[in-house]
Amino acid sequence: MANIEIYTKAFCPYCSRAKALLDSKHAHYEEFDITMGGPKRQEMIQRAGGRTTVPQIFIGGDHIGGSDDLAALERQGELDSLLAT
């Protein structure tokens, strides 16, 4: 399975939705909680091309985007193949 990283904040409904989708796929992911900011927030912004919203999701080191982007991949039937790599 692909290496999945997700940057989140506490009480974020979009983060919860993205994690629920990944959980439904039985995908293991590493979560970075950036609620309090810090170096992981700066890392996320740099990796995500300046995006500051959460979640920011990376699969296999590639920037996927946010919750809506992840859901769009699922609707298009592309998510499973990304998770399998």
C-alpha atoms as a PDB file:
ATOM      1  CA  MET A   1       0.000   0.000   0.000  1.00  0.00           C
ATOM      2  CA  ALA A   2       1.097   3.563  -0.714  1.00  0.00           C
ATOM      3  CA  ASN A   3       2.592   5.843   1.915  1.00  0.00           C
ATOM      4  CA  ILE A   4      -0.191   8.255   2.906  1.00  0.00           C
ATOM      5  CA  GLU A   5       0.317  11.445   4.906  1.00  0.00           C
ATOM      6  CA  ILE A   6      -2.464  13.763   6.014  1.00  0.00           C
ATOM      7  CA  TYR A   7      -2.109  17.111   7.774  1.00  0.00           C
ATOM      8  CA  THR A   8      -5.120  17.868   9.982  1.00  0.00           C
ATOM      9  CA  LYS A   9      -6.488  20.147  12.697  1.00  0.00           C
ATOM     10  CA  ALA A  10      -8.735  19.291  15.630  1.00  0.00           C
ATOM     11  CA  PHE A  11     -12.482  19.662  15.067  1.00  0.00           C
ATOM     12  CA  CYS A  12     -12.057  19.957  11.276  1.00  0.00           C
ATOM     13  CA  PRO A  13     -15.035  18.330   9.520  1.00  0.00           C
ATOM     14  CA  TYR A  14     -13.155  18.119   6.213  1.00  0.00           C
ATOM     15  CA  CYS A  15     -10.313  16.296   7.971  1.00  0.00           C
ATOM     16  CA  SER A  16     -12.789  13.878   9.517  1.00  0.00           C
ATOM     17  CA  ARG A  17     -14.400  13.238   6.145  1.00  0.00           C
ATOM     18  CA  ALA A  18     -11.054  12.574   4.446  1.00  0.00           C
ATOM     19  CA  LYS A  19      -9.934  10.224   7.227  1.00  0.00           C
ATOM     20  CA  ALA A  20     -13.283   8.389   7.115  1.00  0.00           C
ATOM     21  CA  LEU A  21     -12.845   7.773   3.380  1.00  0.00           C
ATOM     22  CA  LEU A  22      -9.307   6.489   3.899  1.00  0.00           C
ATOM     23  CA  ASP A  23     -10.492   4.344   6.818  1.00  0.00           C
ATOM     24  CA  SER A  24     -13.246   2.856   4.643  1.00  0.00           C
ATOM     25  CA  LYS A  25     -10.488   1.764   2.245  1.00  0.00           C
ATOM     26  CA  HIS A  26      -8.518   0.248   5.146  1.00  0.00           C
ATOM     27  CA  ALA A  27      -5.679   2.588   4.193  1.00  0.00           C
ATOM     28  CA  HIS A  28      -3.000   3.191   6.791  1.00  0.00           C
ATOM     29  CA  TYR A  29      -1.973   6.841   6.995  1.00  0.00           C
ATOM     30  CA  GLU A  30       0.320   9.004   9.058  1.00  0.00           C
ATOM     31  CA  GLU A  31      -1.514  11.972  10.531  1.00  0.00           C
ATOM     32  CA  PHE A  32       0.154  15.248  11.447  1.00  0.00           C
ATOM     33  CA  ASP A  33      -1.981  17.420  13.729  1.00  0.00           C
ATOM     34  CA  ILE A  34      -1.088  21.048  13.048  1.00  0.00           C
ATOM     35  CA  THR A  35      -3.768  22.582  15.296  1.00  0.00           C
ATOM     36  CA  MET A  36      -1.114  24.456  17.253  1.00  0.00           C
ATOM     37  CA  GLY A  37       0.967  25.387  14.189  1.00  0.00           C
ATOM     38  CA  GLY A  38       4.671  24.810  14.476  1.00  0.00           C
ATOM     39  CA  PRO A  39       7.209  23.306  12.096  1.00  0.00           C
ATOM     40  CA  LYS A  40       4.805  20.684  10.698  1.00  0.00           C
ATOM     41  CA  ARG A  41       2.450  23.481   9.576  1.00  0.00           C
ATOM     42  CA  GLN A  42       5.305  25.183   7.753  1.00  0.00           C
ATOM     43  CA  GLU A  43       6.289  21.842   6.220  1.00  0.00           C
ATOM     44  CA  MET A  44       2.712  21.322   5.000  1.00  0.00           C
ATOM     45  CA  ILE A  45       2.520  24.783   3.427  1.00  0.00           C
ATOM     46  CA  GLN A  46       5.795  24.233   1.611  1.00  0.00           C
ATOM     47  CA  ARG A  47       4.876  20.747   0.401  1.00  0.00           C
ATOM     48  CA  ALA A  48       1.364  21.849  -0.639  1.00  0.00           C
ATOM     49  CA  GLY A  49       2.540  24.720  -2.816  1.00  0.00           C
ATOM     50  CA  GLY A  50       1.415  27.428  -0.409  1.00  0.00           C
ATOM     51  CA  ARG A  51      -1.948  25.976   0.548  1.00  0.00           C
ATOM     52  CA  THR A  52      -2.812  26.685   4.169  1.00  0.00           C
ATOM     53  CA  THR A  53      -6.139  24.858   4.518  1.00  0.00           C
ATOM     54  CA  VAL A  54      -6.541  21.408   6.003  1.00  0.00           C
ATOM     55  CA  PRO A  55      -6.556  18.621   5.314  1.00  0.00           C
ATOM     56  CA  GLN A  56      -3.650  18.401   2.924  1.00  0.00           C
ATOM     57  CA  ILE A  57      -3.160  14.859   1.689  1.00  0.00           C
ATOM     58  CA  PHE A  58      -0.130  13.218   0.125  1.00  0.00           C
ATOM     59  CA  ILE A  59      -0.133   9.738  -1.398  1.00  0.00           C
ATOM     60  CA  GLY A  60       3.181   8.214  -2.354  1.00  0.00           C
ATOM     61  CA  GLY A  61       4.784  11.612  -1.814  1.00  0.00           C
ATOM     62  CA  ASP A  62       2.487  13.259  -4.386  1.00  0.00           C
ATOM     63  CA  HIS A  63       0.234  16.113  -3.301  1.00  0.00           C
ATOM     64  CA  ILE A  64      -3.393  15.055  -3.729  1.00  0.00           C
ATOM     65  CA  GLY A  65      -4.994  18.169  -2.236  1.00  0.00           C
ATOM     66  CA  GLY A  66      -7.792  18.365   0.283  1.00  0.00           C
ATOM     67  CA  SER A  67     -10.880  16.390   1.225  1.00  0.00           C
ATOM     68  CA  ASP A  68     -12.828  17.384  -1.889  1.00  0.00           C
ATOM     69  CA  ASP A  69      -9.904  16.351  -4.109  1.00  0.00           C
ATOM     70  CA  LEU A  70      -9.702  12.971  -2.372  1.00  0.00           C
ATOM     71  CA  ALA A  71     -13.466  12.467  -2.785  1.00  0.00           C
ATOM     72  CA  ALA A  72     -13.216  13.404  -6.476  1.00  0.00           C
ATOM     73  CA  LEU A  73     -10.556  10.721  -6.990  1.00  0.00           C
ATOM     74  CA  GLU A  74     -12.910   8.205  -5.396  1.00  0.00           C
ATOM     75  CA  ARG A  75     -15.844   9.278  -7.622  1.00  0.00           C
ATOM     76  CA  GLN A  76     -13.632   8.983 -10.717  1.00  0.00           C
ATOM     77  CA  GLY A  77     -12.556   5.480  -9.703  1.00  0.00           C
ATOM     78  CA  GLU A  78      -8.886   6.504  -9.384  1.00  0.00           C
ATOM     79  CA  LEU A  79      -8.346   6.360  -5.632  1.00  0.00           C
ATOM     80  CA  ASP A  80      -7.969   2.589  -5.275  1.00  0.00           C
ATOM     81  CA  SER A  81      -5.157   2.436  -7.820  1.00  0.00           C
ATOM     82  CA  LEU A  82      -3.333   5.302  -6.073  1.00  0.00           C
ATOM     83  CA  LEU A  83      -3.645   3.576  -2.712  1.00  0.00           C
ATOM     84  CA  ALA A  84      -2.358   0.296  -4.132  1.00  0.00           C
ATOM     85  CA  THR A  85       0.948   1.701  -5.385  1.00  0.00           C
END
